[in-house]
């Protein structure tokens, strides 16, 4: 069975722009570092389920709207 590489994309940068907040602001609200937000936005780090839910709740969007599996 062949496994395709799946990629998780996100809309965090877009959502931040809508609210006009910085990575630093978001990090403070969620309780993580700015670097964590940066690495998630750039697809270098896949957040835990808890962190993904916290982000979705902060932006008031469903997790599936914030994160997409390609």
PDB file of N, CA and C in Angstrom:
ATOM      1  N   UNK A   1       0.840  -1.179   0.000  1.00  0.00           N
ATOM      2  CA  UNK A   1       0.000   0.000   0.000  1.00  0.00           C
ATOM      3  C   UNK A   1       0.890   1.249   0.000  1.00  0.00           C
ATOM      4  N   UNK A   2       0.629   2.147  -0.924  1.00  0.00           N
ATOM      5  CA  UNK A   2       1.435   3.362  -1.062  1.00  0.00           C
ATOM      6  C   UNK A   2       0.833   4.487  -0.221  1.00  0.00           C
ATOM      7  N   UNK A   3       1.679   5.114   0.567  1.00  0.00           N
ATOM      8  CA  UNK A   3       1.226   6.228   1.407  1.00  0.00           C
ATOM      9  C   UNK A   3       1.597   7.541   0.732  1.00  0.00           C
ATOM     10  N   UNK A   4       0.607   8.368   0.487  1.00  0.00           N
ATOM     11  CA  UNK A   4       0.878   9.690  -0.065  1.00  0.00           C
ATOM     12  C   UNK A   4       1.229  10.622   1.077  1.00  0.00           C
ATOM     13  N   UNK A   5       2.146  11.543   0.786  1.00  0.00           N
ATOM     14  CA  UNK A   5       2.503  12.527   1.799  1.00  0.00           C
ATOM     15  C   UNK A   5       1.391  13.569   1.868  1.00  0.00           C
ATOM     16  N   UNK A   6       0.855  13.738   3.062  1.00  0.00           N
ATOM     17  CA  UNK A   6      -0.202  14.715   3.250  1.00  0.00           C
ATOM     18  C   UNK A   6       0.392  15.981   3.841  1.00  0.00           C
ATOM     19  N   UNK A   7      -0.200  17.096   3.485  1.00  0.00           N
ATOM     20  CA  UNK A   7       0.287  18.378   3.956  1.00  0.00           C
ATOM     21  C   UNK A   7      -0.838  19.123   4.656  1.00  0.00           C
ATOM     22  N   UNK A   8      -0.522  19.665   5.820  1.00  0.00           N
ATOM     23  CA  UNK A   8      -1.492  20.451   6.564  1.00  0.00           C
ATOM     24  C   UNK A   8      -1.253  21.926   6.260  1.00  0.00           C
ATOM     25  N   UNK A   9      -2.248  22.576   5.690  1.00  0.00           N
ATOM     26  CA  UNK A   9      -2.135  24.005   5.432  1.00  0.00           C
ATOM     27  C   UNK A   9      -3.032  24.741   6.426  1.00  0.00           C
ATOM     28  N   UNK A  10      -2.786  26.041   6.574  1.00  0.00           N
ATOM     29  CA  UNK A  10      -3.598  26.783   7.532  1.00  0.00           C
ATOM     30  C   UNK A  10      -3.865  28.204   7.067  1.00  0.00           C
ATOM     31  N   UNK A  11      -4.841  28.803   7.721  1.00  0.00           N
ATOM     32  CA  UNK A  11      -5.270  30.167   7.402  1.00  0.00           C
ATOM     33  C   UNK A  11      -4.964  31.133   8.552  1.00  0.00           C
ATOM     34  N   UNK A  12      -3.983  30.797   9.363  1.00  0.00           N
ATOM     35  CA  UNK A  12      -3.694  31.632  10.532  1.00  0.00           C
ATOM     36  C   UNK A  12      -3.265  33.033  10.122  1.00  0.00           C
ATOM     37  N   UNK A  13      -2.382  33.127   9.141  1.00  0.00           N
ATOM     38  CA  UNK A  13      -1.912  34.447   8.703  1.00  0.00           C
ATOM     39  C   UNK A  13      -3.081  35.299   8.195  1.00  0.00           C
ATOM     40  N   UNK A  14      -3.974  34.670   7.447  1.00  0.00           N
ATOM     41  CA  UNK A  14      -5.159  35.367   6.919  1.00  0.00           C
ATOM     42  C   UNK A  14      -6.040  35.840   8.079  1.00  0.00           C
ATOM     43  N   UNK A  15      -6.278  34.956   9.028  1.00  0.00           N
ATOM     44  CA  UNK A  15      -7.115  35.308  10.179  1.00  0.00           C
ATOM     45  C   UNK A  15      -6.476  36.417  11.021  1.00  0.00           C
ATOM     46  N   UNK A  16      -5.155  36.367  11.161  1.00  0.00           N
ATOM     47  CA  UNK A  16      -4.460  37.435  11.889  1.00  0.00           C
ATOM     48  C   UNK A  16      -4.628  38.771  11.178  1.00  0.00           C
ATOM     49  N   UNK A  17      -4.539  38.746   9.850  1.00  0.00           N
ATOM     50  CA  UNK A  17      -4.692  39.971   9.060  1.00  0.00           C
ATOM     51  C   UNK A  17      -6.092  40.555   9.227  1.00  0.00           C
ATOM     52  N   UNK A  18      -7.099  39.692   9.251  1.00  0.00           N
ATOM     53  CA  UNK A  18      -8.475  40.151   9.430  1.00  0.00           C
ATOM     54  C   UNK A  18      -8.620  40.901  10.757  1.00  0.00           C
ATOM     55  N   UNK A  19      -7.985  40.372  11.800  1.00  0.00           N
ATOM     56  CA  UNK A  19      -8.067  40.990  13.128  1.00  0.00           C
ATOM     57  C   UNK A  19      -6.979  42.042  13.346  1.00  0.00           C
ATOM     58  N   UNK A  20      -6.066  42.151  12.376  1.00  0.00           N
ATOM     59  CA  UNK A  20      -4.952  43.097  12.467  1.00  0.00           C
ATOM     60  C   UNK A  20      -4.133  42.883  13.743  1.00  0.00           C
ATOM     61  N   UNK A  21      -3.734  41.620  13.970  1.00  0.00           N
ATOM     62  CA  UNK A  21      -2.888  41.314  15.125  1.00  0.00           C
ATOM     63  C   UNK A  21      -1.585  40.677  14.661  1.00  0.00           C
ATOM     64  N   UNK A  22      -0.557  40.843  15.463  1.00  0.00           N
ATOM     65  CA  UNK A  22       0.761  40.294  15.138  1.00  0.00           C
ATOM     66  C   UNK A  22       0.880  38.853  15.635  1.00  0.00           C
ATOM     67  N   UNK A  23       1.926  38.185  15.191  1.00  0.00           N
ATOM     68  CA  UNK A  23       2.205  36.839  15.699  1.00  0.00           C
ATOM     69  C   UNK A  23       2.412  36.908  17.211  1.00  0.00           C
ATOM     70  N   UNK A  24       3.089  37.955  17.669  1.00  0.00           N
ATOM     71  CA  UNK A  24       3.355  38.145  19.095  1.00  0.00           C
ATOM     72  C   UNK A  24       2.048  38.288  19.883  1.00  0.00           C
ATOM     73  N   UNK A  25       1.116  39.088  19.347  1.00  0.00           N
ATOM     74  CA  UNK A  25      -0.190  39.265  19.995  1.00  0.00           C
ATOM     75  C   UNK A  25      -0.922  37.932  20.107  1.00  0.00           C
ATOM     76  N   UNK A  26      -0.963  37.189  19.000  1.00  0.00           N
ATOM     77  CA  UNK A  26      -1.651  35.900  18.977  1.00  0.00           C
ATOM     78  C   UNK A  26      -1.003  34.931  19.952  1.00  0.00           C
ATOM     79  N   UNK A  27       0.316  34.887  19.933  1.00  0.00           N
ATOM     80  CA  UNK A  27       1.047  33.987  20.833  1.00  0.00           C
ATOM     81  C   UNK A  27       0.693  34.265  22.290  1.00  0.00           C
ATOM     82  N   UNK A  28       0.633  35.539  22.653  1.00  0.00           N
ATOM     83  CA  UNK A  28       0.283  35.910  24.023  1.00  0.00           C
ATOM     84  C   UNK A  28      -1.125  35.484  24.396  1.00  0.00           C
ATOM     85  N   UNK A  29      -2.051  35.621  23.461  1.00  0.00           N
ATOM     86  CA  UNK A  29      -3.447  35.237  23.714  1.00  0.00           C
ATOM     87  C   UNK A  29      -3.605  33.725  23.882  1.00  0.00           C
ATOM     88  N   UNK A  30      -2.814  32.960  23.123  1.00  0.00           N
ATOM     89  CA  UNK A  30      -2.945  31.501  23.121  1.00  0.00           C
ATOM     90  C   UNK A  30      -2.058  30.844  24.181  1.00  0.00           C
ATOM     91  N   UNK A  31      -0.994  31.547  24.588  1.00  0.00           N
ATOM     92  CA  UNK A  31      -0.092  30.991  25.597  1.00  0.00           C
ATOM     93  C   UNK A  31       1.071  30.205  25.016  1.00  0.00           C
ATOM     94  N   UNK A  32       1.533  30.623  23.828  1.00  0.00           N
ATOM     95  CA  UNK A  32       2.704  30.003  23.205  1.00  0.00           C
ATOM     96  C   UNK A  32       3.686  31.117  22.811  1.00  0.00           C
ATOM     97  N   UNK A  33       4.801  30.742  22.223  1.00  0.00           N
ATOM     98  CA  UNK A  33       5.767  31.752  21.789  1.00  0.00           C
ATOM     99  C   UNK A  33       5.451  32.229  20.375  1.00  0.00           C
ATOM    100  N   UNK A  34       5.996  33.382  20.024  1.00  0.00           N
ATOM    101  CA  UNK A  34       5.833  33.908  18.674  1.00  0.00           C
ATOM    102  C   UNK A  34       6.422  32.932  17.670  1.00  0.00           C
ATOM    103  N   UNK A  35       7.544  32.307  18.032  1.00  0.00           N
ATOM    104  CA  UNK A  35       8.185  31.343  17.132  1.00  0.00           C
ATOM    105  C   UNK A  35       7.262  30.159  16.847  1.00  0.00           C
ATOM    106  N   UNK A  36       6.494  29.725  17.824  1.00  0.00           N
ATOM    107  CA  UNK A  36       5.542  28.630  17.619  1.00  0.00           C
ATOM    108  C   UNK A  36       4.502  29.034  16.581  1.00  0.00           C
ATOM    109  N   UNK A  37       3.958  30.236  16.724  1.00  0.00           N
ATOM    110  CA  UNK A  37       2.975  30.727  15.746  1.00  0.00           C
ATOM    111  C   UNK A  37       3.608  30.792  14.362  1.00  0.00           C
ATOM    112  N   UNK A  38       4.833  31.303  14.290  1.00  0.00           N
ATOM    113  CA  UNK A  38       5.537  31.424  13.017  1.00  0.00           C
ATOM    114  C   UNK A  38       5.739  30.066  12.357  1.00  0.00           C
ATOM    115  N   UNK A  39       6.187  29.079  13.124  1.00  0.00           N
ATOM    116  CA  UNK A  39       6.448  27.762  12.530  1.00  0.00           C
ATOM    117  C   UNK A  39       5.157  27.054  12.111  1.00  0.00           C
ATOM    118  N   UNK A  40       4.064  27.295  12.836  1.00  0.00           N
ATOM    119  CA  UNK A  40       2.774  26.728  12.423  1.00  0.00           C
ATOM    120  C   UNK A  40       2.330  27.382  11.118  1.00  0.00           C
ATOM    121  N   UNK A  41       2.382  28.722  11.068  1.00  0.00           N
ATOM    122  CA  UNK A  41       1.977  29.450   9.856  1.00  0.00           C
ATOM    123  C   UNK A  41       2.742  28.980   8.626  1.00  0.00           C
ATOM    124  N   UNK A  42       4.026  28.711   8.797  1.00  0.00           N
ATOM    125  CA  UNK A  42       4.879  28.318   7.677  1.00  0.00           C
ATOM    126  C   UNK A  42       4.880  26.816   7.389  1.00  0.00           C
ATOM    127  N   UNK A  43       4.045  26.077   8.106  1.00  0.00           N
ATOM    128  CA  UNK A  43       3.916  24.644   7.851  1.00  0.00           C
ATOM    129  C   UNK A  43       5.082  23.799   8.319  1.00  0.00           C
ATOM    130  N   UNK A  44       5.942  24.363   9.165  1.00  0.00           N
ATOM    131  CA  UNK A  44       7.093  23.617   9.669  1.00  0.00           C
ATOM    132  C   UNK A  44       6.751  22.834  10.937  1.00  0.00           C
ATOM    133  N   UNK A  45       5.657  23.202  11.575  1.00  0.00           N
ATOM    134  CA  UNK A  45       5.242  22.559  12.815  1.00  0.00           C
ATOM    135  C   UNK A  45       3.748  22.290  12.749  1.00  0.00           C
ATOM    136  N   UNK A  46       3.368  21.073  13.084  1.00  0.00           N
ATOM    137  CA  UNK A  46       1.951  20.706  13.132  1.00  0.00           C
ATOM    138  C   UNK A  46       1.504  20.814  14.589  1.00  0.00           C
ATOM    139  N   UNK A  47       0.526  21.674  14.849  1.00  0.00           N
ATOM    140  CA  UNK A  47       0.112  21.878  16.247  1.00  0.00           C
ATOM    141  C   UNK A  47      -0.608  20.664  16.813  1.00  0.00           C
ATOM    142  N   UNK A  48      -0.561  20.573  18.130  1.00  0.00           N
ATOM    143  CA  UNK A  48      -1.324  19.527  18.810  1.00  0.00           C
ATOM    144  C   UNK A  48      -2.809  19.812  18.608  1.00  0.00           C
ATOM    145  N   UNK A  49      -3.620  18.825  18.889  1.00  0.00           N
ATOM    146  CA  UNK A  49      -5.066  19.002  18.784  1.00  0.00           C
ATOM    147  C   UNK A  49      -5.529  20.121  19.720  1.00  0.00           C
ATOM    148  N   UNK A  50      -4.991  20.153  20.916  1.00  0.00           N
ATOM    149  CA  UNK A  50      -5.374  21.183  21.888  1.00  0.00           C
ATOM    150  C   UNK A  50      -5.027  22.573  21.365  1.00  0.00           C
ATOM    151  N   UNK A  51      -3.832  22.733  20.824  1.00  0.00           N
ATOM    152  CA  UNK A  51      -3.416  24.030  20.295  1.00  0.00           C
ATOM    153  C   UNK A  51      -4.260  24.428  19.079  1.00  0.00           C
ATOM    154  N   UNK A  52      -4.566  23.477  18.215  1.00  0.00           N
ATOM    155  CA  UNK A  52      -5.403  23.760  17.044  1.00  0.00           C
ATOM    156  C   UNK A  52      -6.792  24.233  17.472  1.00  0.00           C
ATOM    157  N   UNK A  53      -7.340  23.599  18.499  1.00  0.00           N
ATOM    158  CA  UNK A  53      -8.664  24.002  19.004  1.00  0.00           C
ATOM    159  C   UNK A  53      -8.596  25.381  19.641  1.00  0.00           C
ATOM    160  N   UNK A  54      -7.538  25.657  20.408  1.00  0.00           N
ATOM    161  CA  UNK A  54      -7.372  26.989  21.012  1.00  0.00           C
ATOM    162  C   UNK A  54      -7.319  28.069  19.933  1.00  0.00           C
ATOM    163  N   UNK A  55      -6.579  27.806  18.865  1.00  0.00           N
ATOM    164  CA  UNK A  55      -6.467  28.775  17.771  1.00  0.00           C
ATOM    165  C   UNK A  55      -7.821  28.988  17.095  1.00  0.00           C
ATOM    166  N   UNK A  56      -8.516  27.900  16.822  1.00  0.00           N
ATOM    167  CA  UNK A  56      -9.829  28.004  16.178  1.00  0.00           C
ATOM    168  C   UNK A  56     -10.816  28.765  17.062  1.00  0.00           C
ATOM    169  N   UNK A  57     -10.795  28.494  18.350  1.00  0.00           N
ATOM    170  CA  UNK A  57     -11.686  29.214  19.269  1.00  0.00           C
ATOM    171  C   UNK A  57     -11.346  30.697  19.303  1.00  0.00           C
ATOM    172  N   UNK A  58     -10.048  31.009  19.324  1.00  0.00           N
ATOM    173  CA  UNK A  58      -9.636  32.414  19.342  1.00  0.00           C
ATOM    174  C   UNK A  58     -10.176  33.158  18.128  1.00  0.00           C
ATOM    175  N   UNK A  59     -10.052  32.526  16.954  1.00  0.00           N
ATOM    176  CA  UNK A  59     -10.506  33.170  15.718  1.00  0.00           C
ATOM    177  C   UNK A  59     -12.010  32.987  15.471  1.00  0.00           C
ATOM    178  N   UNK A  60     -12.663  32.192  16.338  1.00  0.00           N
ATOM    179  CA  UNK A  60     -14.101  31.928  16.216  1.00  0.00           C
ATOM    180  C   UNK A  60     -14.463  31.299  14.864  1.00  0.00           C
ATOM    181  N   UNK A  61     -13.657  30.319  14.473  1.00  0.00           N
ATOM    182  CA  UNK A  61     -13.908  29.559  13.241  1.00  0.00           C
ATOM    183  C   UNK A  61     -13.767  28.071  13.555  1.00  0.00           C
ATOM    184  N   UNK A  62     -14.393  27.209  12.758  1.00  0.00           N
ATOM    185  CA  UNK A  62     -14.192  25.767  12.954  1.00  0.00           C
ATOM    186  C   UNK A  62     -12.732  25.386  12.671  1.00  0.00           C
ATOM    187  N   UNK A  63     -12.244  24.366  13.360  1.00  0.00           N
ATOM    188  CA  UNK A  63     -10.872  23.890  13.143  1.00  0.00           C
ATOM    189  C   UNK A  63     -10.650  23.577  11.661  1.00  0.00           C
ATOM    190  N   UNK A  64     -11.677  22.988  11.021  1.00  0.00           N
ATOM    191  CA  UNK A  64     -11.559  22.600   9.612  1.00  0.00           C
ATOM    192  C   UNK A  64     -11.444  23.807   8.686  1.00  0.00           C
ATOM    193  N   UNK A  65     -11.868  24.970   9.146  1.00  0.00           N
ATOM    194  CA  UNK A  65     -11.708  26.180   8.357  1.00  0.00           C
ATOM    195  C   UNK A  65     -10.311  26.771   8.525  1.00  0.00           C
ATOM    196  N   UNK A  66      -9.751  26.584   9.705  1.00  0.00           N
ATOM    197  CA  UNK A  66      -8.422  27.106   9.999  1.00  0.00           C
ATOM    198  C   UNK A  66      -7.319  26.201   9.449  1.00  0.00           C
ATOM    199  N   UNK A  67      -7.546  24.891   9.510  1.00  0.00           N
ATOM    200  CA  UNK A  67      -6.559  23.909   9.036  1.00  0.00           C
ATOM    201  C   UNK A  67      -7.183  23.016   7.970  1.00  0.00           C
ATOM    202  N   UNK A  68      -6.421  22.763   6.904  1.00  0.00           N
ATOM    203  CA  UNK A  68      -6.890  21.915   5.809  1.00  0.00           C
ATOM    204  C   UNK A  68      -5.827  20.863   5.505  1.00  0.00           C
ATOM    205  N   UNK A  69      -6.262  19.628   5.342  1.00  0.00           N
ATOM    206  CA  UNK A  69      -5.363  18.547   4.979  1.00  0.00           C
ATOM    207  C   UNK A  69      -5.379  18.376   3.475  1.00  0.00           C
ATOM    208  N   UNK A  70      -4.222  18.548   2.856  1.00  0.00           N
ATOM    209  CA  UNK A  70      -4.134  18.414   1.407  1.00  0.00           C
ATOM    210  C   UNK A  70      -3.534  17.088   1.029  1.00  0.00           C
TER     211      UNK A  70
END
